[in-house]
Amino acid sequence: MKRVLMTLVILVMIVGICSAGGERERRDQEAIRAAFDSYCEGVANGDAELWLGVHEDQALKMPEGAPMFTIASVRDVQQQRFDAMQANYVVAMEINPAEITVLRDEAYAVGTYLIELKPRADAPPGRVDGKFLTVFRRQSDGEWKIWRDCYNNNVTP
């Protein structure tokens, strides 16, 4: 009888540990989705500080057809880039992660993105869709930030 009781106690503890881990992973995935939402909001509204804020300062961006660069290297010019885009377009962006995997203090997300550019004046409309692989790191305050970001378009815009 003692052996059965002890086995049940151990099983209950294991189930509790597993469900607590699952809850933490779910919260981490939600935080990463929220970071993607801020990323999109920054692009759509031309808010460089918001967009930059979801990245670590030494985050590496790896765009299609261009050299890799750090976020720190574009910090001073990103608002000008966003302002130029906003002058010509109403911008909408969405990021759709198909998978978010959390591995302790790092996580990766794989999915697709879509940027739609509606002209404000004489600029032609635009649409860019593509795929990405993004690696996040948990910061000392628990926030998730982009550490590595590789992305490319499905068709050249």
C-alpha atoms as a PDB file:
ATOM      1  CA  MET A   1       0.000   0.000   0.000  1.00  0.00           C
ATOM      2  CA  LYS A   2       2.820   2.397   0.857  1.00  0.00           C
ATOM      3  CA  ARG A   3       4.467   1.594  -2.450  1.00  0.00           C
ATOM      4  CA  VAL A   4       1.263   2.384  -4.405  1.00  0.00           C
ATOM      5  CA  LEU A   5       0.788   5.631  -2.508  1.00  0.00           C
ATOM      6  CA  MET A   6       4.413   6.649  -3.115  1.00  0.00           C
ATOM      7  CA  THR A   7       4.045   5.869  -6.846  1.00  0.00           C
ATOM      8  CA  LEU A   8       0.910   8.018  -7.049  1.00  0.00           C
ATOM      9  CA  VAL A   9       2.652  10.920  -5.298  1.00  0.00           C
ATOM     10  CA  ILE A  10       5.573  10.708  -7.735  1.00  0.00           C
ATOM     11  CA  LEU A  11       3.206  10.612 -10.730  1.00  0.00           C
ATOM     12  CA  VAL A  12       1.306  13.652  -9.463  1.00  0.00           C
ATOM     13  CA  MET A  13       4.601  15.523  -9.032  1.00  0.00           C
ATOM     14  CA  ILE A  14       5.726  14.617 -12.561  1.00  0.00           C
ATOM     15  CA  VAL A  15       2.417  15.751 -14.068  1.00  0.00           C
ATOM     16  CA  GLY A  16       2.648  19.023 -12.120  1.00  0.00           C
ATOM     17  CA  ILE A  17       6.189  19.679 -13.291  1.00  0.00           C
ATOM     18  CA  CYS A  18       5.283  18.943 -16.922  1.00  0.00           C
ATOM     19  CA  SER A  19       2.201  21.149 -16.895  1.00  0.00           C
ATOM     20  CA  ALA A  20       4.140  24.017 -15.253  1.00  0.00           C
ATOM     21  CA  GLY A  21       6.776  23.747 -17.995  1.00  0.00           C
ATOM     22  CA  GLY A  22       4.054  23.765 -20.652  1.00  0.00           C
ATOM     23  CA  GLU A  23       2.488  26.879 -19.130  1.00  0.00           C
ATOM     24  CA  ARG A  24       5.820  28.696 -19.144  1.00  0.00           C
ATOM     25  CA  GLU A  25       6.428  27.751 -22.771  1.00  0.00           C
ATOM     26  CA  ARG A  26       2.947  29.010 -23.689  1.00  0.00           C
ATOM     27  CA  ARG A  27       3.651  32.351 -21.945  1.00  0.00           C
ATOM     28  CA  ASP A  28       7.025  32.599 -23.703  1.00  0.00           C
ATOM     29  CA  GLN A  29       5.393  31.921 -27.072  1.00  0.00           C
ATOM     30  CA  GLU A  30       2.813  34.623 -26.370  1.00  0.00           C
ATOM     31  CA  ALA A  31       5.602  37.078 -25.472  1.00  0.00           C
ATOM     32  CA  ILE A  32       7.375  36.270 -28.752  1.00  0.00           C
ATOM     33  CA  ARG A  33       4.123  36.798 -30.690  1.00  0.00           C
ATOM     34  CA  ALA A  34       3.765  40.153 -28.911  1.00  0.00           C
ATOM     35  CA  ALA A  35       7.325  41.067 -30.004  1.00  0.00           C
ATOM     36  CA  PHE A  36       6.341  40.268 -33.599  1.00  0.00           C
ATOM     37  CA  ASP A  37       3.237  42.455 -33.169  1.00  0.00           C
ATOM     38  CA  SER A  38       5.445  45.349 -31.992  1.00  0.00           C
ATOM     39  CA  TYR A  39       7.779  44.739 -34.942  1.00  0.00           C
ATOM     40  CA  CYS A  40       4.819  45.019 -37.358  1.00  0.00           C
ATOM     41  CA  GLU A  41       3.424  48.056 -35.572  1.00  0.00           C
ATOM     42  CA  GLY A  42       6.802  49.780 -35.799  1.00  0.00           C
ATOM     43  CA  VAL A  43       7.041  49.130 -39.539  1.00  0.00           C
ATOM     44  CA  ALA A  44       3.407  50.073 -40.246  1.00  0.00           C
ATOM     45  CA  ASN A  45       3.562  53.300 -38.226  1.00  0.00           C
ATOM     46  CA  GLY A  46       7.104  54.278 -39.168  1.00  0.00           C
ATOM     47  CA  ASP A  47       8.174  54.050 -35.511  1.00  0.00           C
ATOM     48  CA  ALA A  48      11.864  53.214 -35.582  1.00  0.00           C
ATOM     49  CA  GLU A  49      12.232  53.163 -31.788  1.00  0.00           C
ATOM     50  CA  LEU A  50       9.493  50.572 -31.440  1.00  0.00           C
ATOM     51  CA  TRP A  51      10.960  48.463 -34.250  1.00  0.00           C
ATOM     52  CA  LEU A  52      14.523  48.780 -32.935  1.00  0.00           C
ATOM     53  CA  GLY A  53      13.326  47.984 -29.412  1.00  0.00           C
ATOM     54  CA  VAL A  54      12.372  44.403 -30.251  1.00  0.00           C
ATOM     55  CA  HIS A  55      15.993  43.706 -31.221  1.00  0.00           C
ATOM     56  CA  GLU A  56      19.131  43.335 -29.157  1.00  0.00           C
ATOM     57  CA  ASP A  57      21.624  46.077 -30.056  1.00  0.00           C
ATOM     58  CA  GLN A  58      23.959  43.510 -31.579  1.00  0.00           C
ATOM     59  CA  ALA A  59      21.187  41.573 -33.316  1.00  0.00           C
ATOM     60  CA  LEU A  60      22.165  40.411 -36.779  1.00  0.00           C
ATOM     61  CA  LYS A  61      19.786  40.948 -39.690  1.00  0.00           C
ATOM     62  CA  MET A  62      20.315  38.729 -42.738  1.00  0.00           C
ATOM     63  CA  PRO A  63      18.214  40.056 -45.625  1.00  0.00           C
ATOM     64  CA  GLU A  64      17.942  38.579 -49.074  1.00  0.00           C
ATOM     65  CA  GLY A  65      20.414  39.949 -51.612  1.00  0.00           C
ATOM     66  CA  ALA A  66      22.243  42.206 -49.151  1.00  0.00           C
ATOM     67  CA  PRO A  67      25.059  41.921 -46.622  1.00  0.00           C
ATOM     68  CA  MET A  68      24.339  40.981 -43.048  1.00  0.00           C
ATOM     69  CA  PHE A  69      24.204  43.943 -40.632  1.00  0.00           C
ATOM     70  CA  THR A  70      23.699  44.697 -36.945  1.00  0.00           C
ATOM     71  CA  ILE A  71      20.800  46.690 -35.578  1.00  0.00           C
ATOM     72  CA  ALA A  72      23.302  49.043 -33.935  1.00  0.00           C
ATOM     73  CA  SER A  73      24.661  49.923 -37.394  1.00  0.00           C
ATOM     74  CA  VAL A  74      21.262  51.220 -38.614  1.00  0.00           C
ATOM     75  CA  ARG A  75      20.070  52.815 -35.372  1.00  0.00           C
ATOM     76  CA  ASP A  76      20.882  56.372 -36.532  1.00  0.00           C
ATOM     77  CA  VAL A  77      19.307  56.063 -40.000  1.00  0.00           C
ATOM     78  CA  GLN A  78      16.295  53.801 -39.446  1.00  0.00           C
ATOM     79  CA  GLN A  79      13.864  56.604 -38.641  1.00  0.00           C
ATOM     80  CA  GLN A  80      14.854  58.388 -41.874  1.00  0.00           C
ATOM     81  CA  ARG A  81      14.196  55.161 -43.807  1.00  0.00           C
ATOM     82  CA  PHE A  82      10.792  54.763 -42.172  1.00  0.00           C
ATOM     83  CA  ASP A  83       9.954  58.440 -42.779  1.00  0.00           C
ATOM     84  CA  ALA A  84      10.740  58.066 -46.500  1.00  0.00           C
ATOM     85  CA  MET A  85       8.527  54.987 -46.719  1.00  0.00           C
ATOM     86  CA  GLN A  86       5.705  56.705 -44.801  1.00  0.00           C
ATOM     87  CA  ALA A  87       5.896  59.751 -47.117  1.00  0.00           C
ATOM     88  CA  ASN A  88       4.986  57.547 -50.080  1.00  0.00           C
ATOM     89  CA  TYR A  89       2.920  54.717 -48.608  1.00  0.00           C
ATOM     90  CA  VAL A  90       0.381  53.604 -46.075  1.00  0.00           C
ATOM     91  CA  VAL A  91       2.099  50.487 -44.780  1.00  0.00           C
ATOM     92  CA  ALA A  92       0.541  47.324 -43.373  1.00  0.00           C
ATOM     93  CA  MET A  93       2.608  44.400 -42.122  1.00  0.00           C
ATOM     94  CA  GLU A  94       1.809  41.039 -40.646  1.00  0.00           C
ATOM     95  CA  ILE A  95       4.057  38.277 -39.375  1.00  0.00           C
ATOM     96  CA  ASN A  96       2.628  34.786 -39.133  1.00  0.00           C
ATOM     97  CA  PRO A  97       4.781  32.388 -37.144  1.00  0.00           C
ATOM     98  CA  ALA A  98       4.023  28.786 -38.109  1.00  0.00           C
ATOM     99  CA  GLU A  99       6.239  27.481 -35.335  1.00  0.00           C
ATOM    100  CA  ILE A 100       7.723  28.936 -32.156  1.00  0.00           C
ATOM    101  CA  THR A 101      10.056  26.655 -30.235  1.00  0.00           C
ATOM    102  CA  VAL A 102      11.383  27.715 -26.837  1.00  0.00           C
ATOM    103  CA  LEU A 103      14.677  26.236 -25.647  1.00  0.00           C
ATOM    104  CA  ARG A 104      15.257  27.677 -22.164  1.00  0.00           C
ATOM    105  CA  ASP A 105      16.589  31.211 -22.780  1.00  0.00           C
ATOM    106  CA  GLU A 106      16.595  31.017 -26.566  1.00  0.00           C
ATOM    107  CA  ALA A 107      13.759  30.438 -28.977  1.00  0.00           C
ATOM    108  CA  TYR A 108      13.285  30.285 -32.701  1.00  0.00           C
ATOM    109  CA  ALA A 109      10.339  31.103 -34.883  1.00  0.00           C
ATOM    110  CA  VAL A 110       9.683  30.079 -38.468  1.00  0.00           C
ATOM    111  CA  GLY A 111       6.942  31.531 -40.597  1.00  0.00           C
ATOM    112  CA  THR A 112       5.828  34.016 -43.213  1.00  0.00           C
ATOM    113  CA  TYR A 113       5.400  37.762 -43.491  1.00  0.00           C
ATOM    114  CA  LEU A 114       3.433  40.132 -45.675  1.00  0.00           C
ATOM    115  CA  ILE A 115       3.969  43.850 -46.254  1.00  0.00           C
ATOM    116  CA  GLU A 116       1.404  45.817 -48.235  1.00  0.00           C
ATOM    117  CA  LEU A 117       2.218  49.293 -49.526  1.00  0.00           C
ATOM    118  CA  LYS A 118      -0.717  51.498 -50.530  1.00  0.00           C
ATOM    119  CA  PRO A 119       0.431  54.625 -52.356  1.00  0.00           C
ATOM    120  CA  ARG A 120      -0.218  58.035 -50.830  1.00  0.00           C
ATOM    121  CA  ALA A 121       0.372  59.834 -54.125  1.00  0.00           C
ATOM    122  CA  ASP A 122       1.993  58.796 -57.389  1.00  0.00           C
ATOM    123  CA  ALA A 123       3.999  55.867 -56.013  1.00  0.00           C
ATOM    124  CA  PRO A 124       3.108  52.412 -57.365  1.00  0.00           C
ATOM    125  CA  PRO A 125       1.406  49.977 -54.969  1.00  0.00           C
ATOM    126  CA  GLY A 126       3.523  47.221 -53.551  1.00  0.00           C
ATOM    127  CA  ARG A 127       3.249  43.866 -51.875  1.00  0.00           C
ATOM    128  CA  VAL A 128       6.095  41.856 -50.401  1.00  0.00           C
ATOM    129  CA  ASP A 129       5.648  38.391 -48.976  1.00  0.00           C
ATOM    130  CA  GLY A 130       8.310  36.061 -47.738  1.00  0.00           C
ATOM    131  CA  LYS A 131       9.543  33.697 -45.075  1.00  0.00           C
ATOM    132  CA  PHE A 132      11.783  33.975 -42.043  1.00  0.00           C
ATOM    133  CA  LEU A 133      13.756  32.179 -39.396  1.00  0.00           C
ATOM    134  CA  THR A 134      14.218  34.356 -36.314  1.00  0.00           C
ATOM    135  CA  VAL A 135      16.131  33.515 -33.146  1.00  0.00           C
ATOM    136  CA  PHE A 136      15.174  35.254 -29.894  1.00  0.00           C
ATOM    137  CA  ARG A 137      17.043  35.460 -26.595  1.00  0.00           C
ATOM    138  CA  ARG A 138      15.510  36.009 -23.195  1.00  0.00           C
ATOM    139  CA  GLN A 139      16.921  39.179 -21.632  1.00  0.00           C
ATOM    140  CA  SER A 140      17.892  39.498 -17.961  1.00  0.00           C
ATOM    141  CA  ASP A 141      14.502  41.148 -17.289  1.00  0.00           C
ATOM    142  CA  GLY A 142      12.662  38.202 -18.910  1.00  0.00           C
ATOM    143  CA  GLU A 143      11.796  40.064 -22.131  1.00  0.00           C
ATOM    144  CA  TRP A 144      12.351  38.265 -25.439  1.00  0.00           C
ATOM    145  CA  LYS A 145      14.335  40.146 -28.102  1.00  0.00           C
ATOM    146  CA  ILE A 146      15.464  39.276 -31.600  1.00  0.00           C
ATOM    147  CA  TRP A 147      19.070  38.102 -31.692  1.00  0.00           C
ATOM    148  CA  ARG A 148      19.321  36.722 -35.265  1.00  0.00           C
ATOM    149  CA  ASP A 149      16.887  37.374 -38.107  1.00  0.00           C
ATOM    150  CA  CYS A 150      17.120  35.745 -41.535  1.00  0.00           C
ATOM    151  CA  TYR A 151      14.410  36.573 -44.066  1.00  0.00           C
ATOM    152  CA  ASN A 152      13.803  36.576 -47.785  1.00  0.00           C
ATOM    153  CA  ASN A 153      11.046  37.445 -50.181  1.00  0.00           C
ATOM    154  CA  ASN A 154       9.141  34.876 -52.197  1.00  0.00           C
ATOM    155  CA  VAL A 155       9.269  37.137 -55.279  1.00  0.00           C
ATOM    156  CA  THR A 156      11.533  40.110 -55.887  1.00  0.00           C
ATOM    157  CA  PRO A 157       9.480  43.241 -55.105  1.00  0.00           C
END
